[in-house]
mmCIF file of all heavy atoms, coordinates in Angstrom:
data_MODEL
# 
_entry.id   MODEL 
# 
loop_
_atom_site.group_PDB 
_atom_site.id 
_atom_site.type_symbol 
_atom_site.label_atom_id 
_atom_site.label_alt_id 
_atom_site.label_comp_id 
_atom_site.label_asym_id 
_atom_site.label_entity_id 
_atom_site.label_seq_id 
_atom_site.pdbx_PDB_ins_code 
_atom_site.Cartn_x 
_atom_site.Cartn_y 
_atom_site.Cartn_z 
_atom_site.occupancy 
_atom_site.B_iso_or_equiv 
_atom_site.pdbx_formal_charge 
_atom_site.auth_seq_id 
_atom_site.auth_comp_id 
_atom_site.auth_asym_id 
_atom_site.auth_atom_id 
_atom_site.pdbx_PDB_model_num 
ATOM 1   N N   . VAL A 1 1  ? -0.301  -17.148 -4.131  1.00 0.00 ? 1  VAL A N   1 
ATOM 2   C CA  . VAL A 1 1  ? -0.838  -16.309 -3.071  1.00 0.00 ? 1  VAL A CA  1 
ATOM 3   C C   . VAL A 1 1  ? 0.006   -15.043 -3.022  1.00 0.00 ? 1  VAL A C   1 
ATOM 4   O O   . VAL A 1 1  ? 1.227   -15.100 -2.877  1.00 0.00 ? 1  VAL A O   1 
ATOM 5   C CB  . VAL A 1 1  ? -0.824  -17.033 -1.714  1.00 0.00 ? 1  VAL A CB  1 
ATOM 6   C CG1 . VAL A 1 1  ? -1.372  -16.129 -0.619  1.00 0.00 ? 1  VAL A CG1 1 
ATOM 7   C CG2 . VAL A 1 1  ? -1.613  -18.327 -1.795  1.00 0.00 ? 1  VAL A CG2 1 
ATOM 8   N N   . CYS A 1 2  ? -0.658  -13.917 -3.184  1.00 0.00 ? 2  CYS A N   1 
ATOM 9   C CA  . CYS A 1 2  ? 0.006   -12.619 -3.205  1.00 0.00 ? 2  CYS A CA  1 
ATOM 10  C C   . CYS A 1 2  ? -0.174  -11.947 -1.852  1.00 0.00 ? 2  CYS A C   1 
ATOM 11  O O   . CYS A 1 2  ? -1.246  -12.030 -1.248  1.00 0.00 ? 2  CYS A O   1 
ATOM 12  C CB  . CYS A 1 2  ? -0.585  -11.739 -4.300  1.00 0.00 ? 2  CYS A CB  1 
ATOM 13  S SG  . CYS A 1 2  ? -0.456  -12.472 -5.937  1.00 0.00 ? 2  CYS A SG  1 
ATOM 14  N N   . VAL A 1 3  ? 0.885   -11.281 -1.394  1.00 0.00 ? 3  VAL A N   1 
ATOM 15  C CA  . VAL A 1 3  ? 0.876   -10.644 -0.073  1.00 0.00 ? 3  VAL A CA  1 
ATOM 16  C C   . VAL A 1 3  ? 1.432   -9.235  -0.200  1.00 0.00 ? 3  VAL A C   1 
ATOM 17  O O   . VAL A 1 3  ? 2.395   -9.005  -0.933  1.00 0.00 ? 3  VAL A O   1 
ATOM 18  C CB  . VAL A 1 3  ? 1.769   -11.424 0.926   1.00 0.00 ? 3  VAL A CB  1 
ATOM 19  C CG1 . VAL A 1 3  ? 1.736   -10.779 2.306   1.00 0.00 ? 3  VAL A CG1 1 
ATOM 20  C CG2 . VAL A 1 3  ? 1.389   -12.886 1.004   1.00 0.00 ? 3  VAL A CG2 1 
ATOM 21  N N   . ARG A 1 4  ? 0.823   -8.318  0.540   1.00 0.00 ? 4  ARG A N   1 
ATOM 22  C CA  . ARG A 1 4  ? 1.392   -6.977  0.701   1.00 0.00 ? 4  ARG A CA  1 
ATOM 23  C C   . ARG A 1 4  ? 0.959   -6.428  2.045   1.00 0.00 ? 4  ARG A C   1 
ATOM 24  O O   . ARG A 1 4  ? -0.069  -6.844  2.604   1.00 0.00 ? 4  ARG A O   1 
ATOM 25  C CB  . ARG A 1 4  ? 0.977   -6.050  -0.420  1.00 0.00 ? 4  ARG A CB  1 
ATOM 26  C CG  . ARG A 1 4  ? -0.470  -5.653  -0.447  1.00 0.00 ? 4  ARG A CG  1 
ATOM 27  C CD  . ARG A 1 4  ? -0.781  -4.719  -1.634  1.00 0.00 ? 4  ARG A CD  1 
ATOM 28  N NE  . ARG A 1 4  ? -2.192  -4.459  -1.730  1.00 0.00 ? 4  ARG A NE  1 
ATOM 29  C CZ  . ARG A 1 4  ? -2.828  -3.501  -1.058  1.00 0.00 ? 4  ARG A CZ  1 
ATOM 30  N NH1 . ARG A 1 4  ? -2.163  -2.702  -0.245  1.00 0.00 ? 4  ARG A NH1 1 
ATOM 31  N NH2 . ARG A 1 4  ? -4.128  -3.326  -1.209  1.00 0.00 ? 4  ARG A NH2 1 
ATOM 32  N N   . VAL A 1 5  ? 1.748   -5.510  2.566   1.00 0.00 ? 5  VAL A N   1 
ATOM 33  C CA  . VAL A 1 5  ? 1.336   -4.787  3.758   1.00 0.00 ? 5  VAL A CA  1 
ATOM 34  C C   . VAL A 1 5  ? 0.522   -3.595  3.279   1.00 0.00 ? 5  VAL A C   1 
ATOM 35  O O   . VAL A 1 5  ? 1.003   -2.758  2.528   1.00 0.00 ? 5  VAL A O   1 
ATOM 36  C CB  . VAL A 1 5  ? 2.545   -4.341  4.605   1.00 0.00 ? 5  VAL A CB  1 
ATOM 37  C CG1 . VAL A 1 5  ? 2.106   -3.428  5.737   1.00 0.00 ? 5  VAL A CG1 1 
ATOM 38  C CG2 . VAL A 1 5  ? 3.288   -5.562  5.165   1.00 0.00 ? 5  VAL A CG2 1 
ATOM 39  N N   . ALA A 1 6  ? -0.731  -3.548  3.714   1.00 0.00 ? 6  ALA A N   1 
ATOM 40  C CA  . ALA A 1 6  ? -1.633  -2.479  3.293   1.00 0.00 ? 6  ALA A CA  1 
ATOM 41  C C   . ALA A 1 6  ? -1.556  -1.273  4.217   1.00 0.00 ? 6  ALA A C   1 
ATOM 42  O O   . ALA A 1 6  ? -1.803  -0.147  3.783   1.00 0.00 ? 6  ALA A O   1 
ATOM 43  C CB  . ALA A 1 6  ? -3.069  -3.004  3.246   1.00 0.00 ? 6  ALA A CB  1 
ATOM 44  N N   . ARG A 1 7  ? -1.203  -1.525  5.487   1.00 0.00 ? 7  ARG A N   1 
ATOM 45  C CA  . ARG A 1 7  ? -1.169  -0.432  6.463   1.00 0.00 ? 7  ARG A CA  1 
ATOM 46  C C   . ARG A 1 7  ? -0.326  -0.863  7.647   1.00 0.00 ? 7  ARG A C   1 
ATOM 47  O O   . ARG A 1 7  ? -0.345  -2.033  8.041   1.00 0.00 ? 7  ARG A O   1 
ATOM 48  C CB  . ARG A 1 7  ? -2.592  -0.117  6.920   1.00 0.00 ? 7  ARG A CB  1 
ATOM 49  C CG  . ARG A 1 7  ? -2.709  0.967   7.950   1.00 0.00 ? 7  ARG A CG  1 
ATOM 50  C CD  . ARG A 1 7  ? -4.164  1.176   8.397   1.00 0.00 ? 7  ARG A CD  1 
ATOM 51  N NE  . ARG A 1 7  ? -4.217  2.109   9.491   1.00 0.00 ? 7  ARG A NE  1 
ATOM 52  C CZ  . ARG A 1 7  ? -3.980  1.815   10.770  1.00 0.00 ? 7  ARG A CZ  1 
ATOM 53  N NH1 . ARG A 1 7  ? -3.667  0.597   11.124  1.00 0.00 ? 7  ARG A NH1 1 
ATOM 54  N NH2 . ARG A 1 7  ? -4.051  2.746   11.695  1.00 0.00 ? 7  ARG A NH2 1 
ATOM 55  N N   . ILE A 1 8  ? 0.376   0.101   8.217   1.00 0.00 ? 8  ILE A N   1 
ATOM 56  C CA  . ILE A 1 8  ? 1.066   -0.119  9.490   1.00 0.00 ? 8  ILE A CA  1 
ATOM 57  C C   . ILE A 1 8  ? 0.556   0.934   10.465  1.00 0.00 ? 8  ILE A C   1 
ATOM 58  O O   . ILE A 1 8  ? 0.663   2.133   10.204  1.00 0.00 ? 8  ILE A O   1 
ATOM 59  C CB  . ILE A 1 8  ? 2.600   -0.008  9.362   1.00 0.00 ? 8  ILE A CB  1 
ATOM 60  C CG1 . ILE A 1 8  ? 3.136   -0.977  8.323   1.00 0.00 ? 8  ILE A CG1 1 
ATOM 61  C CG2 . ILE A 1 8  ? 3.258   -0.268  10.720  1.00 0.00 ? 8  ILE A CG2 1 
ATOM 62  C CD1 . ILE A 1 8  ? 4.632   -0.853  8.075   1.00 0.00 ? 8  ILE A CD1 1 
ATOM 63  N N   . GLY A 1 9  ? -0.015  0.483   11.567  1.00 0.00 ? 9  GLY A N   1 
ATOM 64  C CA  . GLY A 1 9  ? -0.446  1.384   12.632  1.00 0.00 ? 9  GLY A CA  1 
ATOM 65  C C   . GLY A 1 9  ? 0.650   1.493   13.685  1.00 0.00 ? 9  GLY A C   1 
ATOM 66  O O   . GLY A 1 9  ? 1.790   1.080   13.462  1.00 0.00 ? 9  GLY A O   1 
ATOM 67  N N   . ARG A 1 10 ? 0.316   2.012   14.836  1.00 0.00 ? 10 ARG A N   1 
ATOM 68  C CA  . ARG A 1 10 ? 1.307   2.105   15.912  1.00 0.00 ? 10 ARG A CA  1 
ATOM 69  C C   . ARG A 1 10 ? 1.804   0.720   16.301  1.00 0.00 ? 10 ARG A C   1 
ATOM 70  O O   . ARG A 1 10 ? 3.002   0.479   16.365  1.00 0.00 ? 10 ARG A O   1 
ATOM 71  C CB  . ARG A 1 10 ? 0.712   2.801   17.144  1.00 0.00 ? 10 ARG A CB  1 
ATOM 72  C CG  . ARG A 1 10 ? 1.747   2.969   18.270  1.00 0.00 ? 10 ARG A CG  1 
ATOM 73  C CD  . ARG A 1 10 ? 1.131   3.341   19.601  1.00 0.00 ? 10 ARG A CD  1 
ATOM 74  N NE  . ARG A 1 10 ? 0.500   2.227   20.285  1.00 0.00 ? 10 ARG A NE  1 
ATOM 75  C CZ  . ARG A 1 10 ? 1.153   1.277   20.969  1.00 0.00 ? 10 ARG A CZ  1 
ATOM 76  N NH1 . ARG A 1 10 ? 2.458   1.283   21.058  1.00 0.00 ? 10 ARG A NH1 1 
ATOM 77  N NH2 . ARG A 1 10 ? 0.480   0.305   21.559  1.00 0.00 ? 10 ARG A NH2 1 
ATOM 78  N N   . SER A 1 11 ? 0.851   -0.204  16.520  1.00 0.00 ? 11 SER A N   1 
ATOM 79  C CA  . SER A 1 11 ? 1.230   -1.544  16.953  1.00 0.00 ? 11 SER A CA  1 
ATOM 80  C C   . SER A 1 11 ? 0.743   -2.641  16.007  1.00 0.00 ? 11 SER A C   1 
ATOM 81  O O   . SER A 1 11 ? 1.014   -3.811  16.236  1.00 0.00 ? 11 SER A O   1 
ATOM 82  C CB  . SER A 1 11 ? 0.663   -1.817  18.356  1.00 0.00 ? 11 SER A CB  1 
ATOM 83  O OG  . SER A 1 11 ? -0.747  -1.771  18.342  1.00 0.00 ? 11 SER A OG  1 
ATOM 84  N N   . SER A 1 12 ? 0.052   -2.249  14.939  1.00 0.00 ? 12 SER A N   1 
ATOM 85  C CA  . SER A 1 12 ? -0.545  -3.263  14.070  1.00 0.00 ? 12 SER A CA  1 
ATOM 86  C C   . SER A 1 12 ? 0.009   -3.224  12.649  1.00 0.00 ? 12 SER A C   1 
ATOM 87  O O   . SER A 1 12 ? 0.482   -2.189  12.181  1.00 0.00 ? 12 SER A O   1 
ATOM 88  C CB  . SER A 1 12 ? -2.062  -3.075  14.011  1.00 0.00 ? 12 SER A CB  1 
ATOM 89  O OG  . SER A 1 12 ? -2.385  -1.830  13.443  1.00 0.00 ? 12 SER A OG  1 
ATOM 90  N N   . ILE A 1 13 ? -0.073  -4.375  12.019  1.00 0.00 ? 13 ILE A N   1 
ATOM 91  C CA  . ILE A 1 13 ? 0.265   -4.520  10.604  1.00 0.00 ? 13 ILE A CA  1 
ATOM 92  C C   . ILE A 1 13 ? -0.932  -5.184  9.931   1.00 0.00 ? 13 ILE A C   1 
ATOM 93  O O   . ILE A 1 13 ? -1.381  -6.253  10.357  1.00 0.00 ? 13 ILE A O   1 
ATOM 94  C CB  . ILE A 1 13 ? 1.525   -5.385  10.392  1.00 0.00 ? 13 ILE A CB  1 
ATOM 95  C CG1 . ILE A 1 13 ? 2.745   -4.693  11.007  1.00 0.00 ? 13 ILE A CG1 1 
ATOM 96  C CG2 . ILE A 1 13 ? 1.742   -5.671  8.911   1.00 0.00 ? 13 ILE A CG2 1 
ATOM 97  C CD1 . ILE A 1 13 ? 4.026   -5.494  10.912  1.00 0.00 ? 13 ILE A CD1 1 
ATOM 98  N N   . ASN A 1 14 ? -1.475  -4.518  8.905   1.00 0.00 ? 14 ASN A N   1 
ATOM 99  C CA  . ASN A 1 14 ? -2.582  -5.070  8.125   1.00 0.00 ? 14 ASN A CA  1 
ATOM 100 C C   . ASN A 1 14 ? -2.010  -5.650  6.838   1.00 0.00 ? 14 ASN A C   1 
ATOM 101 O O   . ASN A 1 14 ? -1.422  -4.917  6.038   1.00 0.00 ? 14 ASN A O   1 
ATOM 102 C CB  . ASN A 1 14 ? -3.600  -3.991  7.776   1.00 0.00 ? 14 ASN A CB  1 
ATOM 103 C CG  . ASN A 1 14 ? -4.286  -3.419  8.985   1.00 0.00 ? 14 ASN A CG  1 
ATOM 104 O OD1 . ASN A 1 14 ? -3.640  -3.077  9.969   1.00 0.00 ? 14 ASN A OD1 1 
ATOM 105 N ND2 . ASN A 1 14 ? -5.596  -3.302  8.921   1.00 0.00 ? 14 ASN A ND2 1 
ATOM 106 N N   . LEU A 1 15 ? -2.203  -6.932  6.651   1.00 0.00 ? 15 LEU A N   1 
ATOM 107 C CA  . LEU A 1 15 ? -1.727  -7.624  5.462   1.00 0.00 ? 15 LEU A CA  1 
ATOM 108 C C   . LEU A 1 15 ? -2.898  -7.885  4.528   1.00 0.00 ? 15 LEU A C   1 
ATOM 109 O O   . LEU A 1 15 ? -3.951  -8.381  4.958   1.00 0.00 ? 15 LEU A O   1 
ATOM 110 C CB  . LEU A 1 15 ? -1.067  -8.941  5.852   1.00 0.00 ? 15 LEU A CB  1 
ATOM 111 C CG  . LEU A 1 15 ? 0.185   -8.771  6.721   1.00 0.00 ? 15 LEU A CG  1 
ATOM 112 C CD1 . LEU A 1 15 ? 0.207   -9.772  7.843   1.00 0.00 ? 15 LEU A CD1 1 
ATOM 113 C CD2 . LEU A 1 15 ? 1.419   -8.868  5.864   1.00 0.00 ? 15 LEU A CD2 1 
ATOM 114 N N   . ALA A 1 16 ? -2.723  -7.531  3.263   1.00 0.00 ? 16 ALA A N   1 
ATOM 115 C CA  . ALA A 1 16 ? -3.718  -7.819  2.228   1.00 0.00 ? 16 ALA A CA  1 
ATOM 116 C C   . ALA A 1 16 ? -3.226  -9.018  1.440   1.00 0.00 ? 16 ALA A C   1 
ATOM 117 O O   . ALA A 1 16 ? -2.031  -9.121  1.130   1.00 0.00 ? 16 ALA A O   1 
ATOM 118 C CB  . ALA A 1 16 ? -3.897  -6.613  1.318   1.00 0.00 ? 16 ALA A CB  1 
ATOM 119 N N   . LEU A 1 17 ? -4.140  -9.912  1.097   1.00 0.00 ? 17 LEU A N   1 
ATOM 120 C CA  . LEU A 1 17 ? -3.791  -11.132 0.378   1.00 0.00 ? 17 LEU A CA  1 
ATOM 121 C C   . LEU A 1 17 ? -4.750  -11.365 -0.767  1.00 0.00 ? 17 LEU A C   1 
ATOM 122 O O   . LEU A 1 17 ? -5.905  -10.934 -0.718  1.00 0.00 ? 17 LEU A O   1 
ATOM 123 C CB  . LEU A 1 17 ? -3.827  -12.334 1.333   1.00 0.00 ? 17 LEU A CB  1 
ATOM 124 C CG  . LEU A 1 17 ? -2.851  -12.205 2.498   1.00 0.00 ? 17 LEU A CG  1 
ATOM 125 C CD1 . LEU A 1 17 ? -3.598  -12.005 3.787   1.00 0.00 ? 17 LEU A CD1 1 
ATOM 126 C CD2 . LEU A 1 17 ? -1.943  -13.384 2.570   1.00 0.00 ? 17 LEU A CD2 1 
ATOM 127 N N   . ALA A 1 18 ? -4.259  -12.048 -1.775  1.00 0.00 ? 18 ALA A N   1 
ATOM 128 C CA  . ALA A 1 18 ? -5.104  -12.444 -2.901  1.00 0.00 ? 18 ALA A CA  1 
ATOM 129 C C   . ALA A 1 18 ? -4.559  -13.743 -3.463  1.00 0.00 ? 18 ALA A C   1 
ATOM 130 O O   . ALA A 1 18 ? -3.345  -13.950 -3.501  1.00 0.00 ? 18 ALA A O   1 
ATOM 131 C CB  . ALA A 1 18 ? -5.122  -11.368 -3.979  1.00 0.00 ? 18 ALA A CB  1 
ATOM 132 N N   . ILE A 1 19 ? -5.457  -14.604 -3.877  1.00 0.00 ? 19 ILE A N   1 
ATOM 133 C CA  . ILE A 1 19 ? -5.060  -15.864 -4.516  1.00 0.00 ? 19 ILE A CA  1 
ATOM 134 C C   . ILE A 1 19 ? -5.521  -15.814 -5.964  1.00 0.00 ? 19 ILE A C   1 
ATOM 135 O O   . ILE A 1 19 ? -6.682  -15.536 -6.255  1.00 0.00 ? 19 ILE A O   1 
ATOM 136 C CB  . ILE A 1 19 ? -5.680  -17.085 -3.813  1.00 0.00 ? 19 ILE A CB  1 
ATOM 137 C CG1 . ILE A 1 19 ? -5.245  -17.142 -2.347  1.00 0.00 ? 19 ILE A CG1 1 
ATOM 138 C CG2 . ILE A 1 19 ? -5.284  -18.374 -4.549  1.00 0.00 ? 19 ILE A CG2 1 
ATOM 139 C CD1 . ILE A 1 19 ? -5.891  -18.272 -1.553  1.00 0.00 ? 19 ILE A CD1 1 
ATOM 140 N N   . PHE A 1 20 ? -4.570  -16.090 -6.855  1.00 0.00 ? 20 PHE A N   1 
ATOM 141 C CA  . PHE A 1 20 ? -4.829  -16.112 -8.297  1.00 0.00 ? 20 PHE A CA  1 
ATOM 142 C C   . PHE A 1 20 ? -4.431  -17.466 -8.859  1.00 0.00 ? 20 PHE A C   1 
ATOM 143 O O   . PHE A 1 20 ? -3.531  -18.128 -8.326  1.00 0.00 ? 20 PHE A O   1 
ATOM 144 C CB  . PHE A 1 20 ? -3.975  -15.055 -9.011  1.00 0.00 ? 20 PHE A CB  1 
ATOM 145 C CG  . PHE A 1 20 ? -4.302  -13.641 -8.653  1.00 0.00 ? 20 PHE A CG  1 
ATOM 146 C CD1 . PHE A 1 20 ? -3.652  -12.990 -7.621  1.00 0.00 ? 20 PHE A CD1 1 
ATOM 147 C CD2 . PHE A 1 20 ? -5.271  -12.939 -9.366  1.00 0.00 ? 20 PHE A CD2 1 
ATOM 148 C CE1 . PHE A 1 20 ? -3.948  -11.679 -7.297  1.00 0.00 ? 20 PHE A CE1 1 
ATOM 149 C CE2 . PHE A 1 20 ? -5.573  -11.619 -9.053  1.00 0.00 ? 20 PHE A CE2 1 
ATOM 150 C CZ  . PHE A 1 20 ? -4.908  -10.985 -8.011  1.00 0.00 ? 20 PHE A CZ  1 
ATOM 151 N N   . ALA A 1 21 ? -5.057  -17.858 -9.958  1.00 0.00 ? 21 ALA A N   1 
ATOM 152 C CA  . ALA A 1 21 ? -4.530  -18.970 -10.734 1.00 0.00 ? 21 ALA A CA  1 
ATOM 153 C C   . ALA A 1 21 ? -3.138  -18.552 -11.193 1.00 0.00 ? 21 ALA A C   1 
ATOM 154 O O   . ALA A 1 21 ? -2.896  -17.372 -11.481 1.00 0.00 ? 21 ALA A O   1 
ATOM 155 C CB  . ALA A 1 21 ? -5.433  -19.275 -11.920 1.00 0.00 ? 21 ALA A CB  1 
ATOM 156 N N   . LYS A 1 22 ? -2.226  -19.484 -11.249 1.00 0.00 ? 22 LYS A N   1 
ATOM 157 C CA  . LYS A 1 22 ? -0.828  -19.174 -11.553 1.00 0.00 ? 22 LYS A CA  1 
ATOM 158 C C   . LYS A 1 22 ? -0.697  -18.344 -12.830 1.00 0.00 ? 22 LYS A C   1 
ATOM 159 O O   . LYS A 1 22 ? -1.238  -18.688 -13.871 1.00 0.00 ? 22 LYS A O   1 
ATOM 160 C CB  . LYS A 1 22 ? -0.029  -20.458 -11.701 1.00 0.00 ? 22 LYS A CB  1 
ATOM 161 C CG  . LYS A 1 22 ? 1.442   -20.214 -11.943 1.00 0.00 ? 22 LYS A CG  1 
ATOM 162 C CD  . LYS A 1 22 ? 2.200   -21.510 -12.071 1.00 0.00 ? 22 LYS A CD  1 
ATOM 163 C CE  . LYS A 1 22 ? 3.665   -21.233 -12.345 1.00 0.00 ? 22 LYS A CE  1 
ATOM 164 N NZ  . LYS A 1 22 ? 4.410   -22.472 -12.501 1.00 0.00 ? 22 LYS A NZ  1 
ATOM 165 N N   . GLY A 1 23 ? 0.036   -17.234 -12.708 1.00 0.00 ? 23 GLY A N   1 
ATOM 166 C CA  . GLY A 1 23 ? 0.384   -16.415 -13.856 1.00 0.00 ? 23 GLY A CA  1 
ATOM 167 C C   . GLY A 1 23 ? -0.767  -15.686 -14.514 1.00 0.00 ? 23 GLY A C   1 
ATOM 168 O O   . GLY A 1 23 ? -0.635  -15.243 -15.649 1.00 0.00 ? 23 GLY A O   1 
ATOM 169 N N   . SER A 1 24 ? -1.903  -15.543 -13.803 1.00 0.00 ? 24 SER A N   1 
ATOM 170 C CA  . SER A 1 24 ? -3.052  -14.915 -14.447 1.00 0.00 ? 24 SER A CA  1 
ATOM 171 C C   . SER A 1 24 ? -3.727  -13.915 -13.520 1.00 0.00 ? 24 SER A C   1 
ATOM 172 O O   . SER A 1 24 ? -3.376  -13.788 -12.352 1.00 0.00 ? 24 SER A O   1 
ATOM 173 C CB  . SER A 1 24 ? -4.060  -15.976 -14.890 1.00 0.00 ? 24 SER A CB  1 
ATOM 174 O OG  . SER A 1 24 ? -4.857  -16.380 -13.800 1.00 0.00 ? 24 SER A OG  1 
ATOM 175 N N   . GLU A 1 25 ? -4.729  -13.235 -14.057 1.00 0.00 ? 25 GLU A N   1 
ATOM 176 C CA  . GLU A 1 25 ? -5.569  -12.317 -13.283 1.00 0.00 ? 25 GLU A CA  1 
ATOM 177 C C   . GLU A 1 25 ? -6.823  -13.017 -12.764 1.00 0.00 ? 25 GLU A C   1 
ATOM 178 O O   . GLU A 1 25 ? -7.741  -12.358 -12.282 1.00 0.00 ? 25 GLU A O   1 
ATOM 179 C CB  . GLU A 1 25 ? -5.979  -11.126 -14.160 1.00 0.00 ? 25 GLU A CB  1 
ATOM 180 C CG  . GLU A 1 25 ? -4.832  -10.195 -14.510 1.00 0.00 ? 25 GLU A CG  1 
ATOM 181 C CD  . GLU A 1 25 ? -4.339  -9.362  -13.324 1.00 0.00 ? 25 GLU A CD  1 
ATOM 182 O OE1 . GLU A 1 25 ? -5.132  -9.097  -12.403 1.00 0.00 ? 25 GLU A OE1 1 
ATOM 183 O OE2 . GLU A 1 25 ? -3.158  -8.984  -13.322 1.00 0.00 ? 25 GLU A OE2 1 
ATOM 184 N N   . ASP A 1 26 ? -6.877  -14.330 -12.869 1.00 0.00 ? 26 ASP A N   1 
ATOM 185 C CA  . ASP A 1 26 ? -8.033  -15.121 -12.449 1.00 0.00 ? 26 ASP A CA  1 
ATOM 186 C C   . ASP A 1 26 ? -8.065  -15.177 -10.915 1.00 0.00 ? 26 ASP A C   1 
ATOM 187 O O   . ASP A 1 26 ? -7.473  -16.056 -10.293 1.00 0.00 ? 26 ASP A O   1 
ATOM 188 C CB  . ASP A 1 26 ? -7.930  -16.520 -13.067 1.00 0.00 ? 26 ASP A CB  1 
ATOM 189 C CG  . ASP A 1 26 ? -9.105  -17.404 -12.735 1.00 0.00 ? 26 ASP A CG  1 
ATOM 190 O OD1 . ASP A 1 26 ? -10.112 -16.912 -12.182 1.00 0.00 ? 26 ASP A OD1 1 
ATOM 191 O OD2 . ASP A 1 26 ? -9.009  -18.613 -13.031 1.00 0.00 ? 26 ASP A OD2 1 
# 
């Protein structure tokens, strides 16, 4: 499961997530 912060607003944090098969682009 991959995580990144996509945006920070004044009071909010938007987290983007993606699930891949291990070690791949699947």
